[in-house]
């Protein structure tokens, strides 16, 4: 199937939602071509505002519009949306629990040649630390479309993490089931549970196929919602799985791995190994080169399972 970036699906889906609901207001920090909110501008220009290169101000405006009864989508690169504007998201959006959806693109190291200054590997940690903030990281374009609809339908602050690069399509748009806070089991197995989010779901499925040739039969879960994490699914898996391997295009500190480990340690202690960025910054390079260098490939997942 064709490769499509999650940001592409976000733009197209948001444009449809804006046409259906005039209370949806979309803000962008002068990156509408990259974040794809230009799709909204093309069909509903009165609902799209370019706030300029002023992300902190954009979040303040988003808070005001949400307090006035609107559903607000605020987009920029993940580095600037969650990093530069963290205080405004925390105090102006999170604290009053306003209906703002921070939908950030170009997350993770697959921003590639833009380098470490633009490669956000702390954003999930930052956003899941804000009380009441929902955090979602879709695996492909089909799931990104469903996630966009889902965050639009709930009241309250959400963080939707999107990528720059085109990714393989995993889901069928006619059969996908997406529910915030409920992980999707993509392959049922035993003993080893691979819990992944975002682009690492594809890598997890590839690792699963290789592991089968080595005598393993892992369960693979797309844990698209990092917060609230699917506690019930993790506890259920712990009944038949002794090892959990988490996979994320994010730091192993504060992201999906931390969320899984926190849950299991409290309710069903099991061994957890984490595939992710190991407390280092990235560098400039192609997405494929960077994923290889920093250990975010199917091979690295296989190695984590086989580690003694």
C-alpha atoms as a PDB file:
ATOM      1  CA  UNK A   1       0.000   0.000   0.000  1.00  0.00           C
ATOM      2  CA  UNK A   2       1.068   3.598  -0.590  1.00  0.00           C
ATOM      3  CA  UNK A   3       3.056   5.439   2.051  1.00  0.00           C
ATOM      4  CA  UNK A   4       1.285   8.497   3.500  1.00  0.00           C
ATOM      5  CA  UNK A   5       2.405  10.882   6.242  1.00  0.00           C
ATOM      6  CA  UNK A   6       0.148  11.166   9.286  1.00  0.00           C
ATOM      7  CA  UNK A   7       0.181  14.966   8.895  1.00  0.00           C
ATOM      8  CA  UNK A   8      -1.404  14.555   5.442  1.00  0.00           C
ATOM      9  CA  UNK A   9      -4.337  12.634   6.887  1.00  0.00           C
ATOM     10  CA  UNK A  10      -4.673  15.187   9.688  1.00  0.00           C
ATOM     11  CA  UNK A  11      -5.041  18.074   7.247  1.00  0.00           C
ATOM     12  CA  UNK A  12      -7.591  16.339   5.044  1.00  0.00           C
ATOM     13  CA  UNK A  13      -9.673  15.117   7.981  1.00  0.00           C
ATOM     14  CA  UNK A  14      -9.603  18.462   9.767  1.00  0.00           C
ATOM     15  CA  UNK A  15     -10.776  20.211   6.595  1.00  0.00           C
ATOM     16  CA  UNK A  16     -13.836  17.956   6.471  1.00  0.00           C
ATOM     17  CA  UNK A  17     -14.554  18.497  10.159  1.00  0.00           C
ATOM     18  CA  UNK A  18     -14.287  22.266   9.786  1.00  0.00           C
ATOM     19  CA  UNK A  19     -16.801  22.245   6.957  1.00  0.00           C
ATOM     20  CA  UNK A  20     -19.223  20.246   9.101  1.00  0.00           C
ATOM     21  CA  UNK A  21     -18.737  22.273  12.293  1.00  0.00           C
ATOM     22  CA  UNK A  22     -18.368  26.058  12.168  1.00  0.00           C
ATOM     23  CA  UNK A  23     -17.264  26.099  15.817  1.00  0.00           C
ATOM     24  CA  UNK A  24     -13.984  24.441  14.855  1.00  0.00           C
ATOM     25  CA  UNK A  25     -11.257  27.080  14.678  1.00  0.00           C
ATOM     26  CA  UNK A  26      -7.797  26.240  13.380  1.00  0.00           C
ATOM     27  CA  UNK A  27      -4.655  28.183  14.310  1.00  0.00           C
ATOM     28  CA  UNK A  28      -1.217  27.750  12.798  1.00  0.00           C
ATOM     29  CA  UNK A  29       2.171  29.311  13.532  1.00  0.00           C
ATOM     30  CA  UNK A  30       3.130  30.151   9.938  1.00  0.00           C
ATOM     31  CA  UNK A  31       3.626  26.508   8.996  1.00  0.00           C
ATOM     32  CA  UNK A  32       0.277  25.623   7.454  1.00  0.00           C
ATOM     33  CA  UNK A  33       1.951  24.126   4.392  1.00  0.00           C
ATOM     34  CA  UNK A  34       4.007  21.772   6.541  1.00  0.00           C
ATOM     35  CA  UNK A  35       1.379  20.931   9.156  1.00  0.00           C
ATOM     36  CA  UNK A  36      -1.259  20.643   6.387  1.00  0.00           C
ATOM     37  CA  UNK A  37      -3.765  22.967   8.056  1.00  0.00           C
ATOM     38  CA  UNK A  38      -3.698  24.762   4.705  1.00  0.00           C
ATOM     39  CA  UNK A  39      -6.336  22.197   3.733  1.00  0.00           C
ATOM     40  CA  UNK A  40      -8.699  23.941   6.156  1.00  0.00           C
ATOM     41  CA  UNK A  41      -7.777  27.360   4.801  1.00  0.00           C
ATOM     42  CA  UNK A  42      -8.642  26.174   1.304  1.00  0.00           C
ATOM     43  CA  UNK A  43     -12.212  25.143   2.180  1.00  0.00           C
ATOM     44  CA  UNK A  44     -13.061  27.261   5.252  1.00  0.00           C
ATOM     45  CA  UNK A  45     -10.790  30.325   5.267  1.00  0.00           C
ATOM     46  CA  UNK A  46     -12.896  32.094   7.901  1.00  0.00           C
ATOM     47  CA  UNK A  47     -12.048  29.291  10.352  1.00  0.00           C
ATOM     48  CA  UNK A  48      -8.275  29.350   9.796  1.00  0.00           C
ATOM     49  CA  UNK A  49      -5.880  31.905  11.293  1.00  0.00           C
ATOM     50  CA  UNK A  50      -2.145  32.218  10.710  1.00  0.00           C
ATOM     51  CA  UNK A  51      -0.739  33.435  14.017  1.00  0.00           C
ATOM     52  CA  UNK A  52       2.773  33.978  12.680  1.00  0.00           C
ATOM     53  CA  UNK A  53       5.971  32.654  14.226  1.00  0.00           C
ATOM     54  CA  UNK A  54       4.637  33.182  17.753  1.00  0.00           C
ATOM     55  CA  UNK A  55       3.677  29.813  19.188  1.00  0.00           C
ATOM     56  CA  UNK A  56       3.225  30.989  22.767  1.00  0.00           C
ATOM     57  CA  UNK A  57       0.820  33.695  21.680  1.00  0.00           C
ATOM     58  CA  UNK A  58      -1.003  31.160  19.497  1.00  0.00           C
ATOM     59  CA  UNK A  59      -1.707  28.980  22.530  1.00  0.00           C
ATOM     60  CA  UNK A  60      -3.006  31.979  24.461  1.00  0.00           C
ATOM     61  CA  UNK A  61      -5.331  32.863  21.593  1.00  0.00           C
ATOM     62  CA  UNK A  62      -6.419  29.218  21.397  1.00  0.00           C
ATOM     63  CA  UNK A  63      -7.303  29.325  25.085  1.00  0.00           C
ATOM     64  CA  UNK A  64      -9.404  32.455  24.611  1.00  0.00           C
ATOM     65  CA  UNK A  65     -11.264  31.024  21.635  1.00  0.00           C
ATOM     66  CA  UNK A  66     -11.930  27.782  23.514  1.00  0.00           C
ATOM     67  CA  UNK A  67     -13.196  29.714  26.548  1.00  0.00           C
ATOM     68  CA  UNK A  68     -15.650  31.361  24.150  1.00  0.00           C
ATOM     69  CA  UNK A  69     -17.164  28.009  23.217  1.00  0.00           C
ATOM     70  CA  UNK A  70     -15.096  26.893  20.233  1.00  0.00           C
ATOM     71  CA  UNK A  71     -13.212  23.673  19.538  1.00  0.00           C
ATOM     72  CA  UNK A  72      -9.715  24.891  18.733  1.00  0.00           C
ATOM     73  CA  UNK A  73      -6.942  23.100  16.852  1.00  0.00           C
ATOM     74  CA  UNK A  74      -3.491  24.670  17.225  1.00  0.00           C
ATOM     75  CA  UNK A  75      -0.688  23.370  15.026  1.00  0.00           C
ATOM     76  CA  UNK A  76       3.034  23.846  14.598  1.00  0.00           C
ATOM     77  CA  UNK A  77       6.141  21.676  14.626  1.00  0.00           C
ATOM     78  CA  UNK A  78       6.227  19.516  17.757  1.00  0.00           C
ATOM     79  CA  UNK A  79       9.443  21.162  18.964  1.00  0.00           C
ATOM     80  CA  UNK A  80       7.890  24.617  18.991  1.00  0.00           C
ATOM     81  CA  UNK A  81       4.338  23.666  19.966  1.00  0.00           C
ATOM     82  CA  UNK A  82       5.293  21.659  23.053  1.00  0.00           C
ATOM     83  CA  UNK A  83       8.691  23.187  23.809  1.00  0.00           C
ATOM     84  CA  UNK A  84       8.464  26.895  23.187  1.00  0.00           C
ATOM     85  CA  UNK A  85       4.818  27.131  24.223  1.00  0.00           C
ATOM     86  CA  UNK A  86       4.852  24.694  27.151  1.00  0.00           C
ATOM     87  CA  UNK A  87       4.033  27.291  29.787  1.00  0.00           C
ATOM     88  CA  UNK A  88       1.027  28.581  27.851  1.00  0.00           C
ATOM     89  CA  UNK A  89      -0.257  25.055  27.210  1.00  0.00           C
ATOM     90  CA  UNK A  90       0.124  24.193  30.875  1.00  0.00           C
ATOM     91  CA  UNK A  91      -1.272  27.342  32.456  1.00  0.00           C
ATOM     92  CA  UNK A  92      -3.712  28.681  29.855  1.00  0.00           C
ATOM     93  CA  UNK A  93      -5.032  25.414  28.392  1.00  0.00           C
ATOM     94  CA  UNK A  94      -4.322  22.569  30.807  1.00  0.00           C
ATOM     95  CA  UNK A  95      -5.047  24.296  34.097  1.00  0.00           C
ATOM     96  CA  UNK A  96      -8.527  25.541  33.088  1.00  0.00           C
ATOM     97  CA  UNK A  97      -9.069  22.307  31.097  1.00  0.00           C
ATOM     98  CA  UNK A  98     -10.023  24.074  27.894  1.00  0.00           C
ATOM     99  CA  UNK A  99     -11.095  22.469  24.635  1.00  0.00           C
ATOM    100  CA  UNK A 100      -7.856  22.930  22.700  1.00  0.00           C
ATOM    101  CA  UNK A 101      -6.250  20.262  20.545  1.00  0.00           C
ATOM    102  CA  UNK A 102      -2.504  20.755  20.168  1.00  0.00           C
ATOM    103  CA  UNK A 103      -1.805  18.852  16.955  1.00  0.00           C
ATOM    104  CA  UNK A 104       1.902  18.942  16.249  1.00  0.00           C
ATOM    105  CA  UNK A 105       3.727  17.612  13.209  1.00  0.00           C
ATOM    106  CA  UNK A 106       7.409  16.824  12.535  1.00  0.00           C
ATOM    107  CA  UNK A 107       7.792  14.941  15.820  1.00  0.00           C
ATOM    108  CA  UNK A 108      10.598  12.496  16.564  1.00  0.00           C
ATOM    109  CA  UNK A 109      13.937  12.011  14.821  1.00  0.00           C
ATOM    110  CA  UNK A 110      12.435  11.319  11.383  1.00  0.00           C
ATOM    111  CA  UNK A 111      12.402  15.069  10.848  1.00  0.00           C
ATOM    112  CA  UNK A 112      15.788  13.980   9.546  1.00  0.00           C
ATOM    113  CA  UNK A 113      18.127  16.546   8.064  1.00  0.00           C
ATOM    114  CA  UNK A 114      16.652  19.392  10.130  1.00  0.00           C
ATOM    115  CA  UNK A 115      18.784  18.077  12.981  1.00  0.00           C
ATOM    116  CA  UNK A 116      18.598  17.918  16.763  1.00  0.00           C
ATOM    117  CA  UNK A 117      17.114  21.408  17.194  1.00  0.00           C
ATOM    118  CA  UNK A 118      13.944  20.242  15.398  1.00  0.00           C
ATOM    119  CA  UNK A 119      13.871  16.579  16.451  1.00  0.00           C
ATOM    120  CA  UNK A 120      11.447  16.437  19.333  1.00  0.00           C
ATOM    121  CA  UNK A 121      12.042  13.458  21.597  1.00  0.00           C
ATOM    122  CA  UNK A 122      10.616  14.979  24.799  1.00  0.00           C
ATOM    123  CA  UNK A 123       7.142  16.069  23.675  1.00  0.00           C
ATOM    124  CA  UNK A 124       5.182  13.047  24.901  1.00  0.00           C
ATOM    125  CA  UNK A 125       6.849  13.367  28.286  1.00  0.00           C
ATOM    126  CA  UNK A 126       6.005  17.072  28.476  1.00  0.00           C
ATOM    127  CA  UNK A 127       2.378  16.666  27.445  1.00  0.00           C
ATOM    128  CA  UNK A 128       1.547  13.571  29.509  1.00  0.00           C
ATOM    129  CA  UNK A 129       2.837  15.403  32.565  1.00  0.00           C
ATOM    130  CA  UNK A 130       0.077  18.013  32.267  1.00  0.00           C
ATOM    131  CA  UNK A 131      -2.958  16.985  34.373  1.00  0.00           C
ATOM    132  CA  UNK A 132      -5.974  16.090  32.247  1.00  0.00           C
ATOM    133  CA  UNK A 133      -4.095  16.138  28.928  1.00  0.00           C
ATOM    134  CA  UNK A 134      -4.921  13.307  26.511  1.00  0.00           C
ATOM    135  CA  UNK A 135      -1.902  12.154  24.468  1.00  0.00           C
ATOM    136  CA  UNK A 136      -2.304  10.272  21.172  1.00  0.00           C
ATOM    137  CA  UNK A 137       0.342   9.074  18.698  1.00  0.00           C
ATOM    138  CA  UNK A 138      -1.178   7.335  15.633  1.00  0.00           C
ATOM    139  CA  UNK A 139       0.647   4.634  13.691  1.00  0.00           C
ATOM    140  CA  UNK A 140      -0.374   5.510  10.136  1.00  0.00           C
ATOM    141  CA  UNK A 141      -2.495   7.855   8.047  1.00  0.00           C
ATOM    142  CA  UNK A 142      -5.696   5.852   8.517  1.00  0.00           C
ATOM    143  CA  UNK A 143      -5.340   5.928  12.283  1.00  0.00           C
ATOM    144  CA  UNK A 144      -4.342   9.610  12.182  1.00  0.00           C
ATOM    145  CA  UNK A 145      -7.634  10.404  10.465  1.00  0.00           C
ATOM    146  CA  UNK A 146      -9.591   8.498  13.100  1.00  0.00           C
ATOM    147  CA  UNK A 147      -7.587  10.095  15.900  1.00  0.00           C
ATOM    148  CA  UNK A 148      -8.333  13.575  14.538  1.00  0.00           C
ATOM    149  CA  UNK A 149     -12.052  12.817  14.587  1.00  0.00           C
ATOM    150  CA  UNK A 150     -11.802  11.339  18.069  1.00  0.00           C
ATOM    151  CA  UNK A 151     -10.010  14.271  19.687  1.00  0.00           C
ATOM    152  CA  UNK A 152     -12.459  16.666  18.019  1.00  0.00           C
ATOM    153  CA  UNK A 153     -15.352  14.779  19.604  1.00  0.00           C
ATOM    154  CA  UNK A 154     -14.187  14.966  23.215  1.00  0.00           C
ATOM    155  CA  UNK A 155     -14.152  18.021  25.445  1.00  0.00           C
ATOM    156  CA  UNK A 156     -10.816  19.015  26.904  1.00  0.00           C
ATOM    157  CA  UNK A 157      -7.147  19.409  26.022  1.00  0.00           C
ATOM    158  CA  UNK A 158      -5.466  16.853  23.761  1.00  0.00           C
ATOM    159  CA  UNK A 159      -2.047  16.385  22.223  1.00  0.00           C
ATOM    160  CA  UNK A 160      -1.981  14.663  18.829  1.00  0.00           C
ATOM    161  CA  UNK A 161       1.531  13.708  17.685  1.00  0.00           C
ATOM    162  CA  UNK A 162       2.125  13.647  13.924  1.00  0.00           C
ATOM    163  CA  UNK A 163       5.118  12.933  11.709  1.00  0.00           C
ATOM    164  CA  UNK A 164       6.857  14.450   8.727  1.00  0.00           C
ATOM    165  CA  UNK A 165       7.775  11.339   6.749  1.00  0.00           C
ATOM    166  CA  UNK A 166       5.429   9.132   4.769  1.00  0.00           C
ATOM    167  CA  UNK A 167       4.819   5.816   6.537  1.00  0.00           C
ATOM    168  CA  UNK A 168       3.431   2.440   5.533  1.00  0.00           C
ATOM    169  CA  UNK A 169      -0.332   2.038   5.804  1.00  0.00           C
ATOM    170  CA  UNK A 170      -1.164  -0.549   8.451  1.00  0.00           C
ATOM    171  CA  UNK A 171      -4.909  -0.192   8.882  1.00  0.00           C
ATOM    172  CA  UNK A 172      -7.851  -0.607   6.511  1.00  0.00           C
ATOM    173  CA  UNK A 173     -10.042   2.487   6.663  1.00  0.00           C
ATOM    174  CA  UNK A 174     -13.130   0.269   6.339  1.00  0.00           C
ATOM    175  CA  UNK A 175     -12.350  -1.938   9.325  1.00  0.00           C
ATOM    176  CA  UNK A 176     -10.261   0.131  11.736  1.00  0.00           C
ATOM    177  CA  UNK A 177     -11.573   0.516  15.256  1.00  0.00           C
ATOM    178  CA  UNK A 178     -10.154   3.479  17.124  1.00  0.00           C
ATOM    179  CA  UNK A 179     -11.028   4.413  20.672  1.00  0.00           C
ATOM    180  CA  UNK A 180      -9.072   6.838  22.829  1.00  0.00           C
ATOM    181  CA  UNK A 181      -7.525   4.992  25.753  1.00  0.00           C
ATOM    182  CA  UNK A 182      -7.888   1.506  24.216  1.00  0.00           C
ATOM    183  CA  UNK A 183      -4.895  -0.169  22.587  1.00  0.00           C
ATOM    184  CA  UNK A 184      -5.315  -2.280  19.455  1.00  0.00           C
ATOM    185  CA  UNK A 185      -3.965  -5.841  19.498  1.00  0.00           C
ATOM    186  CA  UNK A 186      -2.571  -6.398  15.995  1.00  0.00           C
ATOM    187  CA  UNK A 187      -1.173  -9.872  16.601  1.00  0.00           C
ATOM    188  CA  UNK A 188      -2.056 -12.228  19.432  1.00  0.00           C
ATOM    189  CA  UNK A 189       0.723 -14.351  20.873  1.00  0.00           C
ATOM    190  CA  UNK A 190       2.189 -15.333  24.223  1.00  0.00           C
ATOM    191  CA  UNK A 191       5.152 -14.813  26.544  1.00  0.00           C
ATOM    192  CA  UNK A 192       6.413 -11.588  24.903  1.00  0.00           C
ATOM    193  CA  UNK A 193       4.294  -8.447  24.411  1.00  0.00           C
ATOM    194  CA  UNK A 194       5.579  -5.737  22.083  1.00  0.00           C
ATOM    195  CA  UNK A 195       3.880  -2.437  22.885  1.00  0.00           C
ATOM    196  CA  UNK A 196       4.458   0.264  20.248  1.00  0.00           C
ATOM    197  CA  UNK A 197       3.167   3.643  19.135  1.00  0.00           C
ATOM    198  CA  UNK A 198       3.570   5.866  16.084  1.00  0.00           C
ATOM    199  CA  UNK A 199       5.966   4.757  13.360  1.00  0.00           C
ATOM    200  CA  UNK A 200       7.334   2.042  15.650  1.00  0.00           C
ATOM    201  CA  UNK A 201       4.148   0.007  15.177  1.00  0.00           C
ATOM    202  CA  UNK A 202       5.291  -0.883  11.660  1.00  0.00           C
ATOM    203  CA  UNK A 203       8.716  -1.839  13.016  1.00  0.00           C
ATOM    204  CA  UNK A 204       7.051  -3.968  15.710  1.00  0.00           C
ATOM    205  CA  UNK A 205       5.058  -5.905  13.119  1.00  0.00           C
ATOM    206  CA  UNK A 206       8.206  -6.544  11.072  1.00  0.00           C
ATOM    207  CA  UNK A 207      10.021  -7.672  14.211  1.00  0.00           C
ATOM    208  CA  UNK A 208       7.136 -10.009  14.982  1.00  0.00           C
ATOM    209  CA  UNK A 209       7.565 -11.772  11.643  1.00  0.00           C
ATOM    210  CA  UNK A 210      11.299 -12.225  12.217  1.00  0.00           C
ATOM    211  CA  UNK A 211      10.766 -13.424  15.775  1.00  0.00           C
ATOM    212  CA  UNK A 212       8.382 -16.103  14.526  1.00  0.00           C
ATOM    213  CA  UNK A 213      11.240 -17.605  12.519  1.00  0.00           C
ATOM    214  CA  UNK A 214      13.221 -17.801  15.766  1.00  0.00           C
ATOM    215  CA  UNK A 215      10.557 -19.685  17.694  1.00  0.00           C
ATOM    216  CA  UNK A 216       8.818 -16.745  19.383  1.00  0.00           C
ATOM    217  CA  UNK A 217       5.175 -15.804  19.011  1.00  0.00           C
ATOM    218  CA  UNK A 218       4.910 -12.243  20.366  1.00  0.00           C
ATOM    219  CA  UNK A 219       1.783 -10.230  20.905  1.00  0.00           C
ATOM    220  CA  UNK A 220       1.926  -6.859  19.137  1.00  0.00           C
ATOM    221  CA  UNK A 221      -0.094  -3.915  20.459  1.00  0.00           C
ATOM    222  CA  UNK A 222      -0.580  -0.502  18.891  1.00  0.00           C
ATOM    223  CA  UNK A 223      -0.796   1.640  22.032  1.00  0.00           C
ATOM    224  CA  UNK A 224      -1.851   4.764  20.173  1.00  0.00           C
ATOM    225  CA  UNK A 225      -3.047   6.478  23.350  1.00  0.00           C
ATOM    226  CA  UNK A 226      -0.191   7.037  25.757  1.00  0.00           C
ATOM    227  CA  UNK A 227      -2.458   8.898  28.150  1.00  0.00           C
ATOM    228  CA  UNK A 228      -4.769   7.574  29.396  1.00  0.00           C
ATOM    229  CA  UNK A 229      -2.831   4.323  28.956  1.00  0.00           C
ATOM    230  CA  UNK A 230      -4.882   1.157  28.513  1.00  0.00           C
ATOM    231  CA  UNK A 231      -4.315  -0.231  32.011  1.00  0.00           C
ATOM    232  CA  UNK A 232      -6.850  -3.042  31.596  1.00  0.00           C
ATOM    233  CA  UNK A 233      -5.147  -4.394  28.481  1.00  0.00           C
ATOM    234  CA  UNK A 234      -1.679  -4.270  30.046  1.00  0.00           C
ATOM    235  CA  UNK A 235      -2.838  -6.063  33.192  1.00  0.00           C
ATOM    236  CA  UNK A 236      -4.613  -8.704  31.104  1.00  0.00           C
ATOM    237  CA  UNK A 237      -1.510  -9.274  28.971  1.00  0.00           C
ATOM    238  CA  UNK A 238       0.575  -9.644  32.136  1.00  0.00           C
ATOM    239  CA  UNK A 239      -1.361 -12.823  32.904  1.00  0.00           C
ATOM    240  CA  UNK A 240       0.233 -14.613  29.927  1.00  0.00           C
ATOM    241  CA  UNK A 241       3.304 -12.506  29.084  1.00  0.00           C
ATOM    242  CA  UNK A 242       6.475 -12.347  31.166  1.00  0.00           C
ATOM    243  CA  UNK A 243       8.332  -9.782  29.039  1.00  0.00           C
ATOM    244  CA  UNK A 244       7.130  -6.432  27.701  1.00  0.00           C
ATOM    245  CA  UNK A 245       9.127  -4.546  25.052  1.00  0.00           C
ATOM    246  CA  UNK A 246       8.065  -0.954  24.442  1.00  0.00           C
ATOM    247  CA  UNK A 247       8.891   0.834  21.177  1.00  0.00           C
ATOM    248  CA  UNK A 248       8.717   4.568  20.530  1.00  0.00           C
ATOM    249  CA  UNK A 249      10.297   7.298  18.409  1.00  0.00           C
ATOM    250  CA  UNK A 250      10.849   9.287  21.583  1.00  0.00           C
ATOM    251  CA  UNK A 251      13.096   9.303  24.608  1.00  0.00           C
ATOM    252  CA  UNK A 252      12.779   6.248  26.827  1.00  0.00           C
ATOM    253  CA  UNK A 253      12.428   8.772  29.648  1.00  0.00           C
ATOM    254  CA  UNK A 254       8.838   9.889  30.191  1.00  0.00           C
ATOM    255  CA  UNK A 255       7.198   8.423  27.092  1.00  0.00           C
ATOM    256  CA  UNK A 256       5.367   5.211  26.232  1.00  0.00           C
ATOM    257  CA  UNK A 257       7.946   3.014  27.947  1.00  0.00           C
ATOM    258  CA  UNK A 258       7.623   4.975  31.160  1.00  0.00           C
ATOM    259  CA  UNK A 259       3.817   4.851  30.999  1.00  0.00           C
ATOM    260  CA  UNK A 260       3.832   1.069  30.517  1.00  0.00           C
ATOM    261  CA  UNK A 261       6.424   0.514  33.253  1.00  0.00           C
ATOM    262  CA  UNK A 262       4.555   2.756  35.694  1.00  0.00           C
ATOM    263  CA  UNK A 263       1.342   0.812  35.098  1.00  0.00           C
ATOM    264  CA  UNK A 264       2.839  -2.665  35.315  1.00  0.00           C
ATOM    265  CA  UNK A 265       4.933  -1.884  38.389  1.00  0.00           C
ATOM    266  CA  UNK A 266       1.781  -0.879  40.251  1.00  0.00           C
ATOM    267  CA  UNK A 267      -0.710  -3.482  39.065  1.00  0.00           C
ATOM    268  CA  UNK A 268       1.116  -6.466  37.516  1.00  0.00           C
ATOM    269  CA  UNK A 269       4.914  -6.346  37.806  1.00  0.00           C
ATOM    270  CA  UNK A 270       6.707  -7.763  34.758  1.00  0.00           C
ATOM    271  CA  UNK A 271      10.076  -7.268  33.081  1.00  0.00           C
ATOM    272  CA  UNK A 272      10.094  -4.259  30.729  1.00  0.00           C
ATOM    273  CA  UNK A 273      12.677  -3.409  28.076  1.00  0.00           C
ATOM    274  CA  UNK A 274      12.513  -0.141  26.162  1.00  0.00           C
ATOM    275  CA  UNK A 275      13.383   0.574  22.547  1.00  0.00           C
ATOM    276  CA  UNK A 276      13.687   4.332  22.057  1.00  0.00           C
ATOM    277  CA  UNK A 277      16.115   7.243  22.256  1.00  0.00           C
ATOM    278  CA  UNK A 278      18.555   6.502  25.075  1.00  0.00           C
ATOM    279  CA  UNK A 279      18.918   9.904  26.732  1.00  0.00           C
ATOM    280  CA  UNK A 280      20.728  11.434  23.736  1.00  0.00           C
ATOM    281  CA  UNK A 281      20.005  14.132  21.190  1.00  0.00           C
ATOM    282  CA  UNK A 282      19.761  13.240  17.524  1.00  0.00           C
ATOM    283  CA  UNK A 283      21.709  14.719  14.632  1.00  0.00           C
ATOM    284  CA  UNK A 284      21.259  15.580  10.985  1.00  0.00           C
ATOM    285  CA  UNK A 285      20.734  12.659   8.626  1.00  0.00           C
ATOM    286  CA  UNK A 286      18.120  10.833   6.610  1.00  0.00           C
ATOM    287  CA  UNK A 287      15.279   9.279   8.612  1.00  0.00           C
ATOM    288  CA  UNK A 288      16.482   5.766   7.742  1.00  0.00           C
ATOM    289  CA  UNK A 289      20.046   6.543   8.818  1.00  0.00           C
ATOM    290  CA  UNK A 290      18.897   8.009  12.104  1.00  0.00           C
ATOM    291  CA  UNK A 291      16.538   5.161  12.938  1.00  0.00           C
ATOM    292  CA  UNK A 292      19.405   2.734  12.323  1.00  0.00           C
ATOM    293  CA  UNK A 293      21.964   4.712  14.334  1.00  0.00           C
ATOM    294  CA  UNK A 294      19.757   5.266  17.361  1.00  0.00           C
ATOM    295  CA  UNK A 295      18.363   1.749  17.533  1.00  0.00           C
ATOM    296  CA  UNK A 296      14.782   2.255  16.386  1.00  0.00           C
ATOM    297  CA  UNK A 297      14.408  -0.561  13.865  1.00  0.00           C
ATOM    298  CA  UNK A 298      12.774  -3.985  13.729  1.00  0.00           C
ATOM    299  CA  UNK A 299      16.219  -5.500  14.292  1.00  0.00           C
ATOM    300  CA  UNK A 300      16.559  -3.571  17.549  1.00  0.00           C
ATOM    301  CA  UNK A 301      13.186  -4.831  18.736  1.00  0.00           C
ATOM    302  CA  UNK A 302      14.254  -8.396  17.978  1.00  0.00           C
ATOM    303  CA  UNK A 303      17.485  -7.826  19.911  1.00  0.00           C
ATOM    304  CA  UNK A 304      15.533  -6.469  22.890  1.00  0.00           C
ATOM    305  CA  UNK A 305      13.372  -9.609  22.959  1.00  0.00           C
ATOM    306  CA  UNK A 306      16.390 -11.917  22.727  1.00  0.00           C
ATOM    307  CA  UNK A 307      18.505 -10.023  25.244  1.00  0.00           C
ATOM    308  CA  UNK A 308      19.653 -12.268  28.077  1.00  0.00           C
END
